[in-house]
Amino acid sequence: MSDKITRHILLLSGGKDSTALAIYMRDNHPEIEMEYVFCDTHKELPEIYEYLARIESYLGKRITKLSSEEGDRGFDHFLSIYRGYLPSPQMRWCTRQLKIEPFEKHVANDPVSLYVGIRADENREGFISTKPNITPLYPFKEAGITKDDVFRILQDSGVDLPKYYEWRSRSGCYFCFFQRKIEWVGLIEKHPDLFEIAKSYEKPEEGYTWIQGESLDDISRPDRVEEIKSQYAKRKLQLAAKRKPRTLAEIFSGEFSEEEDGTGCLICHL
């Protein structure tokens, strides 16, 4: 392995941090021959693909889209292997099968420097493979780049934010189990067809639902939708009452910015 040339790879999620890192590395380190990679589950929001096209246009370089769907080995295939057991915070088989394994197959045994978009103001780590040939690097941490800086990078580049940030706080599959209930309501309103597909995967009688203790059929009732919206509006007022003066990040990221809680699969949500 030592005589192989190290590959430099930046794993994009369709979220703000990995996108800002791609822009930052292109503009500040043009000497690095970077590979840009996106693990495509084929269960993404349309806004994700629109955003990736915008990123490609700025970078002037193609984003490699990896997929587990070779030979029909996509989400539905693995769902059958797991006997209809939907992925959940307790069993994130979707992350392993649809994100991590396609990436590790792509890099094989080549030495890789993996650029991860964790900011200096975060106390977490991103996707770190157990493969010894993959070395994670954290340019934002090293440069002291914070959330406000990320929004400046996105704004100054003209790439800005993906449209889903208007109603959703993170990238990832449209049926991601980490979604808040207000975001499921957003899916109903923005993409009712995708909501119906997500609902078709549930088996409430067997306890297989995306939201613990509540089915999508229940959550989509008009009275329940209004209740969720009302609860969310009250929560926003409570947060506004406690809020410090608005930051650049809050101004440009929309109403969901103050609610980020660090949960989620980091390979999906960077």
Foldseek 3Di string as FASTA:
>chain_A
DVPFDAAEEQEDQLFLQSLLVLLVCVVPPVVHPYAAEYQDLVQWDPLSVVLQVLSCVLSVHDYHYFFLCVVHRHPVVVCVVVVLADADPVHNVCCVRRPVVRVCVVCPQHQYEYEARDALPDDDDADDDPRPSYHYDYVRNVVRNDLLNSQVSCVVSVSAHGPLLQFFPFTDGLLQLPTDLSSLLVCCVPPVVSNVVQQVSADVVVQRASYHPDHSVRCPPPVNNVVVVVVVVVVLVVCVVVDDPDGSSDVRSYDCVVVDDPDDRRSNGD
